[in-house]
Amino acid sequence: MRSIKLLVSGLILAGAVAVHAATPDDAVNARKANFKQIGGAAKGTGDTLKTATPDLALIKKNAATIASLAPKVPTWFPAGTGIGKVSVKTGAKAEIWSDSAGFKLAAANFAKAAGEFKVAADSGNLDAIKAKMGALGGTCKACHDKYREKD
């Protein structure tokens, strides 16, 4: 029994070390992958909303994806992962860290809008979906304008 406890303890410690061993480049790559999911879901929703018969199932799925990821945004920006701090391309401006209260507020606005967009998507009301999608896009733009380097 004691050897099992030691094995489990060792595995937990090894996992913790592996988590702490992640590099700033790894954090940027994970952040980019998460934003790619959000962007893909937003684009897919926008594309279907432009059709004569929008795919409500797709909209609901995309809204759920965005709403699940949005609250996590502030955790995707650990210190040392901005422009000039990593070897991979990033658009994260220094203002994310120098104006952390403003960035956290912008991220909170995005998360709130994502939740409201999901509620609208779940309702199936296309007018509400379009309105909340527009509001969601506004929160993206507000954050990008201040905290993301232009491509």
C-alpha atoms as a PDB file:
ATOM      1  CA  MET A   1       0.000   0.000   0.000  1.00  0.00           C
ATOM      2  CA  ARG A   2       2.842   2.361   0.870  1.00  0.00           C
ATOM      3  CA  SER A   3       4.480   1.834  -2.538  1.00  0.00           C
ATOM      4  CA  ILE A   4       1.195   2.699  -4.272  1.00  0.00           C
ATOM      5  CA  LYS A   5       0.976   5.956  -2.292  1.00  0.00           C
ATOM      6  CA  LEU A   6       4.561   6.792  -3.226  1.00  0.00           C
ATOM      7  CA  LEU A   7       3.875   6.010  -6.892  1.00  0.00           C
ATOM      8  CA  VAL A   8       0.760   8.208  -6.923  1.00  0.00           C
ATOM      9  CA  SER A   9       2.613  11.009  -5.139  1.00  0.00           C
ATOM     10  CA  GLY A  10       5.447  10.754  -7.642  1.00  0.00           C
ATOM     11  CA  LEU A  11       3.056  10.896 -10.580  1.00  0.00           C
ATOM     12  CA  ILE A  12       1.297  13.937  -9.152  1.00  0.00           C
ATOM     13  CA  LEU A  13       4.624  15.682  -8.599  1.00  0.00           C
ATOM     14  CA  ALA A  14       5.807  14.780 -12.112  1.00  0.00           C
ATOM     15  CA  GLY A  15       2.604  16.213 -13.546  1.00  0.00           C
ATOM     16  CA  ALA A  16       3.028  19.409 -11.586  1.00  0.00           C
ATOM     17  CA  VAL A  17       6.597  19.771 -12.817  1.00  0.00           C
ATOM     18  CA  ALA A  18       5.484  19.208 -16.398  1.00  0.00           C
ATOM     19  CA  VAL A  19       2.846  21.909 -16.045  1.00  0.00           C
ATOM     20  CA  HIS A  20       5.372  24.354 -14.633  1.00  0.00           C
ATOM     21  CA  ALA A  21       7.862  23.446 -17.343  1.00  0.00           C
ATOM     22  CA  ALA A  22       5.628  24.914 -20.066  1.00  0.00           C
ATOM     23  CA  THR A  23       7.446  27.668 -21.899  1.00  0.00           C
ATOM     24  CA  PRO A  24       6.160  31.137 -22.749  1.00  0.00           C
ATOM     25  CA  ASP A  25       6.105  30.002 -26.403  1.00  0.00           C
ATOM     26  CA  ASP A  26       3.830  27.112 -25.391  1.00  0.00           C
ATOM     27  CA  ALA A  27       1.510  29.564 -23.644  1.00  0.00           C
ATOM     28  CA  VAL A  28       1.326  31.750 -26.765  1.00  0.00           C
ATOM     29  CA  ASN A  29       0.662  28.754 -28.993  1.00  0.00           C
ATOM     30  CA  ALA A  30      -2.124  27.558 -26.684  1.00  0.00           C
ATOM     31  CA  ARG A  31      -3.583  31.075 -26.570  1.00  0.00           C
ATOM     32  CA  LYS A  32      -3.548  31.284 -30.355  1.00  0.00           C
ATOM     33  CA  ALA A  33      -5.250  27.887 -30.656  1.00  0.00           C
ATOM     34  CA  ASN A  34      -7.986  28.990 -28.265  1.00  0.00           C
ATOM     35  CA  PHE A  35      -8.557  32.248 -30.120  1.00  0.00           C
ATOM     36  CA  LYS A  36      -8.626  30.301 -33.376  1.00  0.00           C
ATOM     37  CA  GLN A  37     -11.522  28.275 -31.962  1.00  0.00           C
ATOM     38  CA  ILE A  38     -13.350  31.457 -30.984  1.00  0.00           C
ATOM     39  CA  GLY A  39     -12.665  33.063 -34.357  1.00  0.00           C
ATOM     40  CA  GLY A  40     -13.772  29.978 -36.256  1.00  0.00           C
ATOM     41  CA  ALA A  41     -16.986  29.790 -34.272  1.00  0.00           C
ATOM     42  CA  ALA A  42     -17.671  33.495 -34.831  1.00  0.00           C
ATOM     43  CA  LYS A  43     -16.923  33.251 -38.555  1.00  0.00           C
ATOM     44  CA  GLY A  44     -19.092  30.162 -38.953  1.00  0.00           C
ATOM     45  CA  THR A  45     -21.929  31.952 -37.214  1.00  0.00           C
ATOM     46  CA  GLY A  46     -21.509  35.084 -39.299  1.00  0.00           C
ATOM     47  CA  ASP A  47     -21.408  33.043 -42.495  1.00  0.00           C
ATOM     48  CA  THR A  48     -24.592  31.137 -41.709  1.00  0.00           C
ATOM     49  CA  LEU A  49     -26.384  34.309 -40.633  1.00  0.00           C
ATOM     50  CA  LYS A  50     -25.788  35.691 -44.136  1.00  0.00           C
ATOM     51  CA  THR A  51     -27.713  32.813 -45.719  1.00  0.00           C
ATOM     52  CA  ALA A  52     -31.440  32.682 -46.442  1.00  0.00           C
ATOM     53  CA  THR A  53     -31.901  29.926 -43.848  1.00  0.00           C
ATOM     54  CA  PRO A  54     -29.341  30.187 -41.045  1.00  0.00           C
ATOM     55  CA  ASP A  55     -28.335  26.901 -39.428  1.00  0.00           C
ATOM     56  CA  LEU A  56     -29.587  27.289 -35.848  1.00  0.00           C
ATOM     57  CA  ALA A  57     -27.890  24.085 -34.690  1.00  0.00           C
ATOM     58  CA  LEU A  58     -24.551  25.429 -35.901  1.00  0.00           C
ATOM     59  CA  ILE A  59     -25.191  28.790 -34.267  1.00  0.00           C
ATOM     60  CA  LYS A  60     -26.016  27.110 -30.939  1.00  0.00           C
ATOM     61  CA  LYS A  61     -22.878  24.959 -31.144  1.00  0.00           C
ATOM     62  CA  ASN A  62     -20.700  27.956 -31.981  1.00  0.00           C
ATOM     63  CA  ALA A  63     -22.259  30.080 -29.249  1.00  0.00           C
ATOM     64  CA  ALA A  64     -21.556  27.327 -26.723  1.00  0.00           C
ATOM     65  CA  THR A  65     -17.920  27.164 -27.860  1.00  0.00           C
ATOM     66  CA  ILE A  66     -17.461  30.910 -27.532  1.00  0.00           C
ATOM     67  CA  ALA A  67     -19.273  31.100 -24.185  1.00  0.00           C
ATOM     68  CA  SER A  68     -17.179  28.259 -22.742  1.00  0.00           C
ATOM     69  CA  LEU A  69     -13.866  29.820 -23.781  1.00  0.00           C
ATOM     70  CA  ALA A  70     -14.576  33.509 -23.168  1.00  0.00           C
ATOM     71  CA  PRO A  71     -14.272  33.495 -19.351  1.00  0.00           C
ATOM     72  CA  LYS A  72     -10.828  31.888 -19.655  1.00  0.00           C
ATOM     73  CA  VAL A  73      -9.287  34.668 -21.761  1.00  0.00           C
ATOM     74  CA  PRO A  74      -7.462  36.450 -18.901  1.00  0.00           C
ATOM     75  CA  THR A  75      -5.682  33.196 -17.987  1.00  0.00           C
ATOM     76  CA  TRP A  76      -4.195  32.931 -21.475  1.00  0.00           C
ATOM     77  CA  PHE A  77      -1.834  35.860 -20.916  1.00  0.00           C
ATOM     78  CA  PRO A  78       0.772  34.917 -18.340  1.00  0.00           C
ATOM     79  CA  ALA A  79       3.579  37.393 -17.789  1.00  0.00           C
ATOM     80  CA  GLY A  80       6.335  37.197 -20.359  1.00  0.00           C
ATOM     81  CA  THR A  81       4.148  36.219 -23.331  1.00  0.00           C
ATOM     82  CA  GLY A  82       3.898  39.543 -25.148  1.00  0.00           C
ATOM     83  CA  ILE A  83       5.560  40.964 -28.241  1.00  0.00           C
ATOM     84  CA  GLY A  84       9.351  40.707 -28.013  1.00  0.00           C
ATOM     85  CA  LYS A  85       9.218  38.263 -25.100  1.00  0.00           C
ATOM     86  CA  VAL A  86       8.672  35.043 -27.067  1.00  0.00           C
ATOM     87  CA  SER A  87      10.108  33.501 -30.200  1.00  0.00           C
ATOM     88  CA  VAL A  88       6.686  32.826 -31.767  1.00  0.00           C
ATOM     89  CA  LYS A  89       4.540  35.503 -33.388  1.00  0.00           C
ATOM     90  CA  THR A  90       2.093  37.184 -31.049  1.00  0.00           C
ATOM     91  CA  GLY A  91       0.044  40.321 -31.226  1.00  0.00           C
ATOM     92  CA  ALA A  92      -0.256  40.717 -27.448  1.00  0.00           C
ATOM     93  CA  LYS A  93       0.694  44.311 -26.622  1.00  0.00           C
ATOM     94  CA  ALA A  94       2.446  45.296 -23.401  1.00  0.00           C
ATOM     95  CA  GLU A  95      -0.735  47.142 -22.380  1.00  0.00           C
ATOM     96  CA  ILE A  96      -2.275  43.775 -21.440  1.00  0.00           C
ATOM     97  CA  TRP A  97       0.054  43.729 -18.448  1.00  0.00           C
ATOM     98  CA  SER A  98       0.645  47.444 -17.854  1.00  0.00           C
ATOM     99  CA  ASP A  99      -3.124  48.090 -17.876  1.00  0.00           C
ATOM    100  CA  SER A 100      -4.202  44.769 -16.407  1.00  0.00           C
ATOM    101  CA  ALA A 101      -7.356  46.241 -14.856  1.00  0.00           C
ATOM    102  CA  GLY A 102      -8.454  47.586 -18.234  1.00  0.00           C
ATOM    103  CA  PHE A 103      -7.614  44.310 -19.946  1.00  0.00           C
ATOM    104  CA  LYS A 104      -9.515  42.289 -17.339  1.00  0.00           C
ATOM    105  CA  LEU A 105     -12.506  44.594 -17.793  1.00  0.00           C
ATOM    106  CA  ALA A 106     -12.385  44.171 -21.582  1.00  0.00           C
ATOM    107  CA  ALA A 107     -12.163  40.389 -21.125  1.00  0.00           C
ATOM    108  CA  ALA A 108     -15.083  40.462 -18.674  1.00  0.00           C
ATOM    109  CA  ASN A 109     -17.141  42.454 -21.182  1.00  0.00           C
ATOM    110  CA  PHE A 110     -16.344  39.829 -23.806  1.00  0.00           C
ATOM    111  CA  ALA A 111     -17.321  36.977 -21.477  1.00  0.00           C
ATOM    112  CA  LYS A 112     -20.600  38.725 -20.593  1.00  0.00           C
ATOM    113  CA  ALA A 113     -21.412  39.316 -24.263  1.00  0.00           C
ATOM    114  CA  ALA A 114     -20.529  35.696 -25.047  1.00  0.00           C
ATOM    115  CA  GLY A 115     -22.966  34.500 -22.388  1.00  0.00           C
ATOM    116  CA  GLU A 116     -25.692  36.769 -23.727  1.00  0.00           C
ATOM    117  CA  PHE A 117     -24.998  35.563 -27.257  1.00  0.00           C
ATOM    118  CA  LYS A 118     -25.383  31.958 -26.085  1.00  0.00           C
ATOM    119  CA  VAL A 119     -28.723  32.756 -24.438  1.00  0.00           C
ATOM    120  CA  ALA A 120     -29.913  34.337 -27.687  1.00  0.00           C
ATOM    121  CA  ALA A 121     -28.626  31.388 -29.723  1.00  0.00           C
ATOM    122  CA  ASP A 122     -30.365  28.922 -27.432  1.00  0.00           C
ATOM    123  CA  SER A 123     -33.616  30.866 -27.865  1.00  0.00           C
ATOM    124  CA  GLY A 124     -33.521  30.409 -31.641  1.00  0.00           C
ATOM    125  CA  ASN A 125     -34.670  34.003 -32.165  1.00  0.00           C
ATOM    126  CA  LEU A 126     -32.713  35.200 -35.209  1.00  0.00           C
ATOM    127  CA  ASP A 127     -33.225  38.889 -34.464  1.00  0.00           C
ATOM    128  CA  ALA A 128     -31.861  38.425 -30.924  1.00  0.00           C
ATOM    129  CA  ILE A 129     -28.999  36.279 -32.247  1.00  0.00           C
ATOM    130  CA  LYS A 130     -27.994  38.941 -34.759  1.00  0.00           C
ATOM    131  CA  ALA A 131     -28.154  41.685 -32.146  1.00  0.00           C
ATOM    132  CA  LYS A 132     -26.093  39.760 -29.605  1.00  0.00           C
ATOM    133  CA  MET A 133     -23.618  38.654 -32.283  1.00  0.00           C
ATOM    134  CA  GLY A 134     -23.097  42.326 -33.132  1.00  0.00           C
ATOM    135  CA  ALA A 135     -22.579  43.183 -29.472  1.00  0.00           C
ATOM    136  CA  LEU A 136     -20.132  40.302 -29.111  1.00  0.00           C
ATOM    137  CA  GLY A 137     -18.174  41.531 -32.123  1.00  0.00           C
ATOM    138  CA  GLY A 138     -18.042  44.972 -30.547  1.00  0.00           C
ATOM    139  CA  THR A 139     -16.337  43.578 -27.454  1.00  0.00           C
ATOM    140  CA  CYS A 140     -13.803  41.778 -29.641  1.00  0.00           C
ATOM    141  CA  LYS A 141     -13.031  44.993 -31.515  1.00  0.00           C
ATOM    142  CA  ALA A 142     -12.730  47.057 -28.336  1.00  0.00           C
ATOM    143  CA  CYS A 143     -10.167  44.663 -26.902  1.00  0.00           C
ATOM    144  CA  HIS A 144      -8.243  44.254 -30.156  1.00  0.00           C
ATOM    145  CA  ASP A 145      -8.075  48.005 -30.709  1.00  0.00           C
ATOM    146  CA  LYS A 146      -6.293  48.560 -27.404  1.00  0.00           C
ATOM    147  CA  TYR A 147      -4.518  45.320 -26.559  1.00  0.00           C
ATOM    148  CA  ARG A 148      -3.605  43.643 -29.857  1.00  0.00           C
ATOM    149  CA  GLU A 149      -1.009  44.711 -32.367  1.00  0.00           C
ATOM    150  CA  LYS A 150      -2.434  45.276 -35.838  1.00  0.00           C
ATOM    151  CA  ASP A 151      -1.551  42.544 -38.325  1.00  0.00           C
END
